Amino acid sequence: RTIAISSGALDSLPHNGYVVTTIQGICGETHKAAYGAMG
């Protein structure tokens, strides 16, 4: 459980595939505008 939870933290830095796809590909936002809250 510790490893599972810990894997879902620093993985979401700006270069994460889900982060990039969601911010830019799906929502059409920029990292500058959207990543602060998402991070």
Full PDB file with SEQRES, HELIX, SHEET, SSBOND, CRYST1, ORIGX, SCALE, CONECT and MASTER records, all heavy atoms in Angstrom:
SEQRES   1 A   39  ARG THR ILE ALA ILE SER SER GLY ALA LEU ASP SER LEU          
SEQRES   2 A   39  PRO HIS ASN GLY TYR VAL VAL THR THR ILE GLN GLY ILE          
SEQRES   3 A   39  CYS GLY GLU THR HIS LYS ALA ALA TYR GLY ALA MET GLY          
HELIX    1 AA1 THR A    2  SER A    7  1                                   6    
HELIX    2 AA2 LEU A   10  SER A   12  5                                   3    
HELIX    3 AA3 GLY A   17  VAL A   20  1                                   4    
HELIX    4 AA4 THR A   21  ILE A   26  3                                   6    
HELIX    5 AA5 HIS A   31  MET A   38  1                                   8    
CRYST1    1.000    1.000    1.000  90.00  90.00  90.00 P 1           1          
ORIGX1      1.000000  0.000000  0.000000        0.00000                         
ORIGX2      0.000000  1.000000  0.000000        0.00000                         
ORIGX3      0.000000  0.000000  1.000000        0.00000                         
SCALE1      1.000000  0.000000  0.000000        0.00000                         
SCALE2      0.000000  1.000000  0.000000        0.00000                         
SCALE3      0.000000  0.000000  1.000000        0.00000                         
ATOM      1  N   ARG A   1       0.823  -1.210   0.000  1.00  0.00           N  
ATOM      2  CA  ARG A   1       0.000   0.000   0.000  1.00  0.00           C  
ATOM      3  C   ARG A   1       0.856   1.257   0.000  1.00  0.00           C  
ATOM      4  O   ARG A   1       0.534   2.247  -0.663  1.00  0.00           O  
ATOM      5  CB  ARG A   1      -0.943  -0.019   1.213  1.00  0.00           C  
ATOM      6  CG  ARG A   1      -1.996   1.067   1.196  1.00  0.00           C  
ATOM      7  CD  ARG A   1      -2.827   1.059  -0.077  1.00  0.00           C  
ATOM      8  NE  ARG A   1      -3.277  -0.291  -0.405  1.00  0.00           N  
ATOM      9  CZ  ARG A   1      -3.484  -0.710  -1.634  1.00  0.00           C  
ATOM     10  NH1 ARG A   1      -3.287   0.093  -2.664  1.00  0.00           N  
ATOM     11  NH2 ARG A   1      -3.884  -1.945  -1.871  1.00  0.00           N  
ATOM     12  N   THR A   2       1.960   1.224   0.733  1.00  0.00           N  
ATOM     13  CA  THR A   2       2.850   2.385   0.776  1.00  0.00           C  
ATOM     14  C   THR A   2       3.437   2.669  -0.599  1.00  0.00           C  
ATOM     15  O   THR A   2       3.480   3.824  -1.046  1.00  0.00           O  
ATOM     16  CB  THR A   2       3.990   2.144   1.785  1.00  0.00           C  
ATOM     17  OG1 THR A   2       3.440   1.907   3.081  1.00  0.00           O  
ATOM     18  CG2 THR A   2       4.911   3.356   1.849  1.00  0.00           C  
ATOM     19  N   ILE A   3       3.870   1.618  -1.277  1.00  0.00           N  
ATOM     20  CA  ILE A   3       4.451   1.787  -2.605  1.00  0.00           C  
ATOM     21  C   ILE A   3       3.408   2.279  -3.597  1.00  0.00           C  
ATOM     22  O   ILE A   3       3.683   3.158  -4.420  1.00  0.00           O  
ATOM     23  CB  ILE A   3       5.081   0.459  -3.074  1.00  0.00           C  
ATOM     24  CG1 ILE A   3       6.414   0.236  -2.356  1.00  0.00           C  
ATOM     25  CG2 ILE A   3       5.270   0.436  -4.591  1.00  0.00           C  
ATOM     26  CD1 ILE A   3       7.076  -1.079  -2.664  1.00  0.00           C  
ATOM     27  N   ALA A   4       2.199   1.734  -3.521  1.00  0.00           N  
ATOM     28  CA  ALA A   4       1.147   2.169  -4.436  1.00  0.00           C  
ATOM     29  C   ALA A   4       0.856   3.657  -4.266  1.00  0.00           C  
ATOM     30  O   ALA A   4       0.795   4.415  -5.246  1.00  0.00           O  
ATOM     31  CB  ALA A   4      -0.123   1.354  -4.201  1.00  0.00           C  
ATOM     32  N   ILE A   5       0.688   4.094  -3.026  1.00  0.00           N  
ATOM     33  CA  ILE A   5       0.386   5.508  -2.772  1.00  0.00           C  
ATOM     34  C   ILE A   5       1.556   6.391  -3.164  1.00  0.00           C  
ATOM     35  O   ILE A   5       1.375   7.447  -3.786  1.00  0.00           O  
ATOM     36  CB  ILE A   5       0.020   5.717  -1.288  1.00  0.00           C  
ATOM     37  CG1 ILE A   5      -1.257   4.941  -0.938  1.00  0.00           C  
ATOM     38  CG2 ILE A   5      -0.165   7.201  -0.983  1.00  0.00           C  
ATOM     39  CD1 ILE A   5      -1.589   4.940   0.550  1.00  0.00           C  
ATOM     40  N   SER A   6       2.771   5.962  -2.825  1.00  0.00           N  
ATOM     41  CA  SER A   6       3.943   6.794  -3.127  1.00  0.00           C  
ATOM     42  C   SER A   6       4.181   6.922  -4.626  1.00  0.00           C  
ATOM     43  O   SER A   6       4.692   7.940  -5.095  1.00  0.00           O  
ATOM     44  CB  SER A   6       5.190   6.209  -2.451  1.00  0.00           C  
ATOM     45  OG  SER A   6       5.517   4.927  -2.975  1.00  0.00           O  
ATOM     46  N   SER A   7       3.792   5.906  -5.389  1.00  0.00           N  
ATOM     47  CA  SER A   7       3.998   5.977  -6.841  1.00  0.00           C  
ATOM     48  C   SER A   7       3.110   7.026  -7.486  1.00  0.00           C  
ATOM     49  O   SER A   7       3.411   7.518  -8.579  1.00  0.00           O  
ATOM     50  CB  SER A   7       3.722   4.605  -7.476  1.00  0.00           C  
ATOM     51  OG  SER A   7       2.329   4.313  -7.475  1.00  0.00           O  
ATOM     52  N   GLY A   8       2.005   7.389  -6.804  1.00  0.00           N  
ATOM     53  CA  GLY A   8       1.071   8.345  -7.373  1.00  0.00           C  
ATOM     54  C   GLY A   8       1.294   9.763  -6.920  1.00  0.00           C  
ATOM     55  O   GLY A   8       0.339  10.542  -6.861  1.00  0.00           O  
ATOM     56  N   ALA A   9       2.518  10.117  -6.586  1.00  0.00           N  
ATOM     57  CA  ALA A   9       2.814  11.479  -6.130  1.00  0.00           C  
ATOM     58  C   ALA A   9       3.746  12.192  -7.112  1.00  0.00           C  
ATOM     59  O   ALA A   9       3.305  12.943  -7.976  1.00  0.00           O  
ATOM     60  CB  ALA A   9       3.414  11.436  -4.729  1.00  0.00           C  
ATOM     61  N   LEU A  10       5.051  11.934  -6.992  1.00  0.00           N  
ATOM     62  CA  LEU A  10       6.019  12.618  -7.864  1.00  0.00           C  
ATOM     63  C   LEU A  10       5.901  12.184  -9.325  1.00  0.00           C  
ATOM     64  O   LEU A  10       6.496  12.808 -10.205  1.00  0.00           O  
ATOM     65  CB  LEU A  10       7.447  12.377  -7.365  1.00  0.00           C  
ATOM     66  CG  LEU A  10       7.793  12.963  -5.997  1.00  0.00           C  
ATOM     67  CD1 LEU A  10       9.265  12.730  -5.680  1.00  0.00           C  
ATOM     68  CD2 LEU A  10       7.471  14.453  -5.929  1.00  0.00           C  
ATOM     69  N   ASP A  11       5.143  11.117  -9.572  1.00  0.00           N  
ATOM     70  CA  ASP A  11       4.939  10.719 -10.969  1.00  0.00           C  
ATOM     71  C   ASP A  11       4.211  11.805 -11.749  1.00  0.00           C  
ATOM     72  O   ASP A  11       4.344  11.900 -12.969  1.00  0.00           O  
ATOM     73  CB  ASP A  11       4.121   9.427 -11.034  1.00  0.00           C  
ATOM     74  CG  ASP A  11       2.659   9.667 -10.674  1.00  0.00           C  
ATOM     75  OD1 ASP A  11       2.411  10.185  -9.571  1.00  0.00           O  
ATOM     76  OD2 ASP A  11       1.788   9.347 -11.486  1.00  0.00           O  
ATOM     77  N   SER A  12       3.425  12.635 -11.047  1.00  0.00           N  
ATOM     78  CA  SER A  12       2.592  13.633 -11.723  1.00  0.00           C  
ATOM     79  C   SER A  12       3.301  14.958 -11.924  1.00  0.00           C  
ATOM     80  O   SER A  12       2.670  16.016 -11.967  1.00  0.00           O  
ATOM     81  CB  SER A  12       1.297  13.850 -10.929  1.00  0.00           C  
ATOM     82  OG  SER A  12       0.546  12.658 -10.866  1.00  0.00           O  
ATOM     83  N   LEU A  13       4.618  14.914 -12.055  1.00  0.00           N  
ATOM     84  CA  LEU A  13       5.362  16.106 -12.450  1.00  0.00           C  
ATOM     85  C   LEU A  13       4.968  16.463 -13.892  1.00  0.00           C  
ATOM     86  O   LEU A  13       4.303  15.672 -14.571  1.00  0.00           O  
ATOM     87  CB  LEU A  13       6.863  15.840 -12.327  1.00  0.00           C  
ATOM     88  CG  LEU A  13       7.377  15.647 -10.883  1.00  0.00           C  
ATOM     89  CD1 LEU A  13       8.857  15.253 -10.890  1.00  0.00           C  
ATOM     90  CD2 LEU A  13       7.152  16.891 -10.043  1.00  0.00           C  
ATOM     91  N   PRO A  14       5.354  17.643 -14.378  1.00  0.00           N  
ATOM     92  CA  PRO A  14       4.825  18.123 -15.669  1.00  0.00           C  
ATOM     93  C   PRO A  14       5.017  17.197 -16.861  1.00  0.00           C  
ATOM     94  O   PRO A  14       4.269  17.277 -17.834  1.00  0.00           O  
ATOM     95  CB  PRO A  14       5.585  19.444 -15.877  1.00  0.00           C  
ATOM     96  CG  PRO A  14       5.901  19.918 -14.501  1.00  0.00           C  
ATOM     97  CD  PRO A  14       6.180  18.674 -13.709  1.00  0.00           C  
ATOM     98  N   HIS A  15       6.014  16.296 -16.816  1.00  0.00           N  
ATOM     99  CA  HIS A  15       6.287  15.455 -17.982  1.00  0.00           C  
ATOM    100  C   HIS A  15       5.479  14.161 -17.989  1.00  0.00           C  
ATOM    101  O   HIS A  15       5.598  13.363 -18.925  1.00  0.00           O  
ATOM    102  CB  HIS A  15       7.782  15.115 -18.049  1.00  0.00           C  
ATOM    103  CG  HIS A  15       8.299  14.363 -16.852  1.00  0.00           C  
ATOM    104  ND1 HIS A  15       8.342  14.913 -15.592  1.00  0.00           N  
ATOM    105  CD2 HIS A  15       8.798  13.107 -16.720  1.00  0.00           C  
ATOM    106  CE1 HIS A  15       8.857  14.044 -14.747  1.00  0.00           C  
ATOM    107  NE2 HIS A  15       9.135  12.933 -15.404  1.00  0.00           N  
ATOM    108  N   ASN A  16       4.646  13.934 -16.983  1.00  0.00           N  
ATOM    109  CA  ASN A  16       3.826  12.723 -16.920  1.00  0.00           C  
ATOM    110  C   ASN A  16       2.878  12.641 -18.113  1.00  0.00           C  
ATOM    111  O   ASN A  16       2.281  13.634 -18.523  1.00  0.00           O  
ATOM    112  CB  ASN A  16       3.034  12.731 -15.601  1.00  0.00           C  
ATOM    113  CG  ASN A  16       1.998  11.625 -15.534  1.00  0.00           C  
ATOM    114  OD1 ASN A  16       0.859  11.846 -15.912  1.00  0.00           O  
ATOM    115  ND2 ASN A  16       2.392  10.470 -15.085  1.00  0.00           N  
ATOM    116  N   GLY A  17       2.722  11.435 -18.664  1.00  0.00           N  
ATOM    117  CA  GLY A  17       1.901  11.259 -19.861  1.00  0.00           C  
ATOM    118  C   GLY A  17       0.454  11.649 -19.657  1.00  0.00           C  
ATOM    119  O   GLY A  17      -0.159  12.303 -20.513  1.00  0.00           O  
ATOM    120  N   TYR A  18      -0.130  11.270 -18.516  1.00  0.00           N  
ATOM    121  CA  TYR A  18      -1.513  11.638 -18.236  1.00  0.00           C  
ATOM    122  C   TYR A  18      -1.658  13.152 -18.092  1.00  0.00           C  
ATOM    123  O   TYR A  18      -2.627  13.741 -18.577  1.00  0.00           O  
ATOM    124  CB  TYR A  18      -1.987  10.947 -16.957  1.00  0.00           C  
ATOM    125  CG  TYR A  18      -3.341  11.424 -16.478  1.00  0.00           C  
ATOM    126  CD1 TYR A  18      -4.517  10.880 -16.994  1.00  0.00           C  
ATOM    127  CD2 TYR A  18      -3.443  12.440 -15.517  1.00  0.00           C  
ATOM    128  CE1 TYR A  18      -5.761  11.327 -16.567  1.00  0.00           C  
ATOM    129  CE2 TYR A  18      -4.686  12.888 -15.089  1.00  0.00           C  
ATOM    130  CZ  TYR A  18      -5.842  12.331 -15.613  1.00  0.00           C  
ATOM    131  OH  TYR A  18      -7.063  12.787 -15.199  1.00  0.00           O  
ATOM    132  N   VAL A  19      -0.700  13.771 -17.412  1.00  0.00           N  
ATOM    133  CA  VAL A  19      -0.741  15.229 -17.210  1.00  0.00           C  
ATOM    134  C   VAL A  19      -0.706  15.949 -18.547  1.00  0.00           C  
ATOM    135  O   VAL A  19      -1.509  16.860 -18.810  1.00  0.00           O  
ATOM    136  CB  VAL A  19       0.433  15.686 -16.314  1.00  0.00           C  
ATOM    137  CG1 VAL A  19       0.528  17.214 -16.291  1.00  0.00           C  
ATOM    138  CG2 VAL A  19       0.272  15.135 -14.904  1.00  0.00           C  
ATOM    139  N   VAL A  20       0.225  15.552 -19.411  1.00  0.00           N  
ATOM    140  CA  VAL A  20       0.357  16.194 -20.726  1.00  0.00           C  
ATOM    141  C   VAL A  20      -0.910  15.988 -21.553  1.00  0.00           C  
ATOM    142  O   VAL A  20      -1.442  16.922 -22.155  1.00  0.00           O  
ATOM    143  CB  VAL A  20       1.578  15.640 -21.486  1.00  0.00           C  
ATOM    144  CG1 VAL A  20       1.623  16.180 -22.909  1.00  0.00           C  
ATOM    145  CG2 VAL A  20       2.862  15.995 -20.748  1.00  0.00           C  
ATOM    146  N   THR A  21      -1.401  14.746 -21.589  1.00  0.00           N  
ATOM    147  CA  THR A  21      -2.583  14.435 -22.393  1.00  0.00           C  
ATOM    148  C   THR A  21      -3.804  15.198 -21.892  1.00  0.00           C  
ATOM    149  O   THR A  21      -4.578  15.751 -22.687  1.00  0.00           O  
ATOM    150  CB  THR A  21      -2.867  12.925 -22.372  1.00  0.00           C  
ATOM    151  OG1 THR A  21      -1.733  12.222 -22.890  1.00  0.00           O  
ATOM    152  CG2 THR A  21      -4.087  12.585 -23.204  1.00  0.00           C  
ATOM    153  N   THR A  22      -4.000  15.227 -20.575  1.00  0.00           N  
ATOM    154  CA  THR A  22      -5.185  15.875 -20.020  1.00  0.00           C  
ATOM    155  C   THR A  22      -5.149  17.389 -20.194  1.00  0.00           C  
ATOM    156  O   THR A  22      -6.130  17.998 -20.631  1.00  0.00           O  
ATOM    157  CB  THR A  22      -5.344  15.525 -18.524  1.00  0.00           C  
ATOM    158  OG1 THR A  22      -5.434  14.104 -18.387  1.00  0.00           O  
ATOM    159  CG2 THR A  22      -6.590  16.163 -17.946  1.00  0.00           C  
ATOM    160  N   ILE A  23      -4.018  18.004 -19.850  1.00  0.00           N  
ATOM    161  CA  ILE A  23      -3.927  19.467 -19.934  1.00  0.00           C  
ATOM    162  C   ILE A  23      -3.973  19.951 -21.373  1.00  0.00           C  
ATOM    163  O   ILE A  23      -4.780  20.825 -21.732  1.00  0.00           O  
ATOM    164  CB  ILE A  23      -2.649  19.977 -19.243  1.00  0.00           C  
ATOM    165  CG1 ILE A  23      -2.751  19.788 -17.722  1.00  0.00           C  
ATOM    166  CG2 ILE A  23      -2.412  21.460 -19.565  1.00  0.00           C  
ATOM    167  CD1 ILE A  23      -1.524  20.243 -16.961  1.00  0.00           C  
ATOM    168  N   GLN A  24      -3.118  19.379 -22.218  1.00  0.00           N  
ATOM    169  CA  GLN A  24      -2.974  19.894 -23.581  1.00  0.00           C  
ATOM    170  C   GLN A  24      -3.903  19.199 -24.571  1.00  0.00           C  
ATOM    171  O   GLN A  24      -4.608  19.871 -25.339  1.00  0.00           O  
ATOM    172  CB  GLN A  24      -1.519  19.745 -24.034  1.00  0.00           C  
ATOM    173  CG  GLN A  24      -0.533  20.522 -23.177  1.00  0.00           C  
ATOM    174  CD  GLN A  24       0.906  20.366 -23.667  1.00  0.00           C  
ATOM    175  OE1 GLN A  24       1.169  19.885 -24.765  1.00  0.00           O  
ATOM    176  NE2 GLN A  24       1.860  20.767 -22.837  1.00  0.00           N  
ATOM    177  N   GLY A  25      -3.909  17.855 -24.552  1.00  0.00           N  
ATOM    178  CA  GLY A  25      -4.643  17.124 -25.571  1.00  0.00           C  
ATOM    179  C   GLY A  25      -6.144  17.142 -25.391  1.00  0.00           C  
ATOM    180  O   GLY A  25      -6.893  17.241 -26.369  1.00  0.00           O  
ATOM    181  N   ILE A  26      -6.612  17.066 -24.153  1.00  0.00           N  
ATOM    182  CA  ILE A  26      -8.049  16.988 -23.894  1.00  0.00           C  
ATOM    183  C   ILE A  26      -8.650  18.350 -23.589  1.00  0.00           C  
ATOM    184  O   ILE A  26      -9.653  18.747 -24.187  1.00  0.00           O  
ATOM    185  CB  ILE A  26      -8.338  16.013 -22.736  1.00  0.00           C  
ATOM    186  CG1 ILE A  26      -7.874  14.604 -23.102  1.00  0.00           C  
ATOM    187  CG2 ILE A  26      -9.834  16.013 -22.394  1.00  0.00           C  
ATOM    188  CD1 ILE A  26      -8.005  13.598 -21.971  1.00  0.00           C  
ATOM    189  N   CYS A  27      -8.027  19.076 -22.658  1.00  0.00           N  
ATOM    190  CA  CYS A  27      -8.605  20.345 -22.199  1.00  0.00           C  
ATOM    191  C   CYS A  27      -8.137  21.555 -22.995  1.00  0.00           C  
ATOM    192  O   CYS A  27      -8.717  22.637 -22.854  1.00  0.00           O  
ATOM    193  CB  CYS A  27      -8.294  20.551 -20.717  1.00  0.00           C  
ATOM    194  SG  CYS A  27      -8.982  19.250 -19.644  1.00  0.00           S  
ATOM    195  N   GLY A  28      -7.094  21.409 -23.795  1.00  0.00           N  
ATOM    196  CA  GLY A  28      -6.622  22.521 -24.606  1.00  0.00           C  
ATOM    197  C   GLY A  28      -6.051  23.673 -23.800  1.00  0.00           C  
ATOM    198  O   GLY A  28      -6.079  24.837 -24.225  1.00  0.00           O  
ATOM    199  N   GLU A  29      -5.491  23.377 -22.639  1.00  0.00           N  
ATOM    200  CA  GLU A  29      -4.884  24.409 -21.806  1.00  0.00           C  
ATOM    201  C   GLU A  29      -3.361  24.348 -21.938  1.00  0.00           C  
ATOM    202  O   GLU A  29      -2.811  23.449 -22.573  1.00  0.00           O  
ATOM    203  CB  GLU A  29      -5.283  24.198 -20.337  1.00  0.00           C  
ATOM    204  CG  GLU A  29      -6.776  24.196 -20.070  1.00  0.00           C  
ATOM    205  CD  GLU A  29      -7.414  25.541 -20.335  1.00  0.00           C  
ATOM    206  OE1 GLU A  29      -6.731  26.583 -20.213  1.00  0.00           O  
ATOM    207  OE2 GLU A  29      -8.621  25.573 -20.650  1.00  0.00           O  
ATOM    208  N   THR A  30      -2.688  25.295 -21.312  1.00  0.00           N  
ATOM    209  CA  THR A  30      -1.230  25.273 -21.256  1.00  0.00           C  
ATOM    210  C   THR A  30      -0.796  24.828 -19.864  1.00  0.00           C  
ATOM    211  O   THR A  30      -1.543  24.984 -18.885  1.00  0.00           O  
ATOM    212  CB  THR A  30      -0.643  26.667 -21.544  1.00  0.00           C  
ATOM    213  OG1 THR A  30      -1.054  27.573 -20.498  1.00  0.00           O  
ATOM    214  CG2 THR A  30      -1.128  27.185 -22.893  1.00  0.00           C  
ATOM    215  N   HIS A  31       0.414  24.299 -19.789  1.00  0.00           N  
ATOM    216  CA  HIS A  31       0.944  23.920 -18.476  1.00  0.00           C  
ATOM    217  C   HIS A  31       1.031  25.138 -17.560  1.00  0.00           C  
ATOM    218  O   HIS A  31       0.781  25.043 -16.358  1.00  0.00           O  
ATOM    219  CB  HIS A  31       2.333  23.288 -18.644  1.00  0.00           C  
ATOM    220  CG  HIS A  31       2.287  21.797 -18.805  1.00  0.00           C  
ATOM    221  ND1 HIS A  31       1.646  21.187 -19.860  1.00  0.00           N  
ATOM    222  CD2 HIS A  31       2.798  20.789 -18.042  1.00  0.00           C  
ATOM    223  CE1 HIS A  31       1.768  19.861 -19.746  1.00  0.00           C  
ATOM    224  NE2 HIS A  31       2.467  19.602 -18.649  1.00  0.00           N  
ATOM    225  N   LYS A  32       1.389  26.282 -18.122  1.00  0.00           N  
ATOM    226  CA  LYS A  32       1.531  27.496 -17.317  1.00  0.00           C  
ATOM    227  C   LYS A  32       0.225  27.856 -16.623  1.00  0.00           C  
ATOM    228  O   LYS A  32       0.210  28.271 -15.459  1.00  0.00           O  
ATOM    229  CB  LYS A  32       1.994  28.656 -18.204  1.00  0.00           C  
ATOM    230  CG  LYS A  32       2.214  29.960 -17.442  1.00  0.00           C  
ATOM    231  CD  LYS A  32       2.707  31.051 -18.370  1.00  0.00           C  
ATOM    232  CE  LYS A  32       2.929  32.357 -17.609  1.00  0.00           C  
ATOM    233  NZ  LYS A  32       3.393  33.442 -18.520  1.00  0.00           N  
ATOM    234  N   ALA A  33      -0.897  27.683 -17.323  1.00  0.00           N  
ATOM    235  CA  ALA A  33      -2.195  28.059 -16.769  1.00  0.00           C  
ATOM    236  C   ALA A  33      -2.774  26.990 -15.848  1.00  0.00           C  
ATOM    237  O   ALA A  33      -3.359  27.308 -14.810  1.00  0.00           O  
ATOM    238  CB  ALA A  33      -3.182  28.358 -17.901  1.00  0.00           C  
ATOM    239  N   ALA A  34      -2.604  25.722 -16.223  1.00  0.00           N  
ATOM    240  CA  ALA A  34      -3.351  24.661 -15.550  1.00  0.00           C  
ATOM    241  C   ALA A  34      -2.540  23.809 -14.585  1.00  0.00           C  
ATOM    242  O   ALA A  34      -3.121  23.184 -13.692  1.00  0.00           O  
ATOM    243  CB  ALA A  34      -4.005  23.754 -16.592  1.00  0.00           C  
ATOM    244  N   TYR A  35      -1.205  23.763 -14.748  1.00  0.00           N  
ATOM    245  CA  TYR A  35      -0.464  22.777 -13.962  1.00  0.00           C  
ATOM    246  C   TYR A  35      -0.383  23.125 -12.477  1.00  0.00           C  
ATOM    247  O   TYR A  35      -0.284  22.226 -11.643  1.00  0.00           O  
ATOM    248  CB  TYR A  35       0.949  22.564 -14.508  1.00  0.00           C  
ATOM    249  CG  TYR A  35       1.671  21.476 -13.744  1.00  0.00           C  
ATOM    250  CD1 TYR A  35       1.312  20.142 -13.903  1.00  0.00           C  
ATOM    251  CD2 TYR A  35       2.636  21.788 -12.786  1.00  0.00           C  
ATOM    252  CE1 TYR A  35       1.919  19.138 -13.160  1.00  0.00           C  
ATOM    253  CE2 TYR A  35       3.253  20.789 -12.045  1.00  0.00           C  
ATOM    254  CZ  TYR A  35       2.895  19.463 -12.230  1.00  0.00           C  
ATOM    255  OH  TYR A  35       3.489  18.480 -11.481  1.00  0.00           O  
ATOM    256  N   GLY A  36      -0.422  24.400 -12.105  1.00  0.00           N  
ATOM    257  CA  GLY A  36      -0.321  24.759 -10.693  1.00  0.00           C  
ATOM    258  C   GLY A  36      -1.357  24.047  -9.848  1.00  0.00           C  
ATOM    259  O   GLY A  36      -1.030  23.395  -8.844  1.00  0.00           O  
ATOM    260  N   ALA A  37      -2.618  24.158 -10.243  1.00  0.00           N  
ATOM    261  CA  ALA A  37      -3.696  23.496  -9.498  1.00  0.00           C  
ATOM    262  C   ALA A  37      -3.601  21.989  -9.629  1.00  0.00           C  
ATOM    263  O   ALA A  37      -3.818  21.249  -8.649  1.00  0.00           O  
ATOM    264  CB  ALA A  37      -5.048  23.988 -10.000  1.00  0.00           C  
ATOM    265  N   MET A  38      -3.281  21.513 -10.832  1.00  0.00           N  
ATOM    266  CA  MET A  38      -3.192  20.068 -11.041  1.00  0.00           C  
ATOM    267  C   MET A  38      -2.052  19.470 -10.222  1.00  0.00           C  
ATOM    268  O   MET A  38      -2.198  18.401  -9.615  1.00  0.00           O  
ATOM    269  CB  MET A  38      -2.991  19.769 -12.523  1.00  0.00           C  
ATOM    270  CG  MET A  38      -3.220  18.320 -12.897  1.00  0.00           C  
ATOM    271  SD  MET A  38      -3.104  18.078 -14.677  1.00  0.00           S  
ATOM    272  CE  MET A  38      -3.771  16.434 -14.853  1.00  0.00           C  
ATOM    273  N   GLY A  39      -0.918  20.158 -10.187  1.00  0.00           N  
ATOM    274  CA  GLY A  39       0.204  19.673  -9.398  1.00  0.00           C  
ATOM    275  C   GLY A  39      -0.098  19.640  -7.915  1.00  0.00           C  
ATOM    276  O   GLY A  39       0.346  18.737  -7.194  1.00  0.00           O  
TER     277      GLY A  39                                                      
MASTER        0    0    0    5    0    0    0    6  276    1    0    3          
END                                                                             
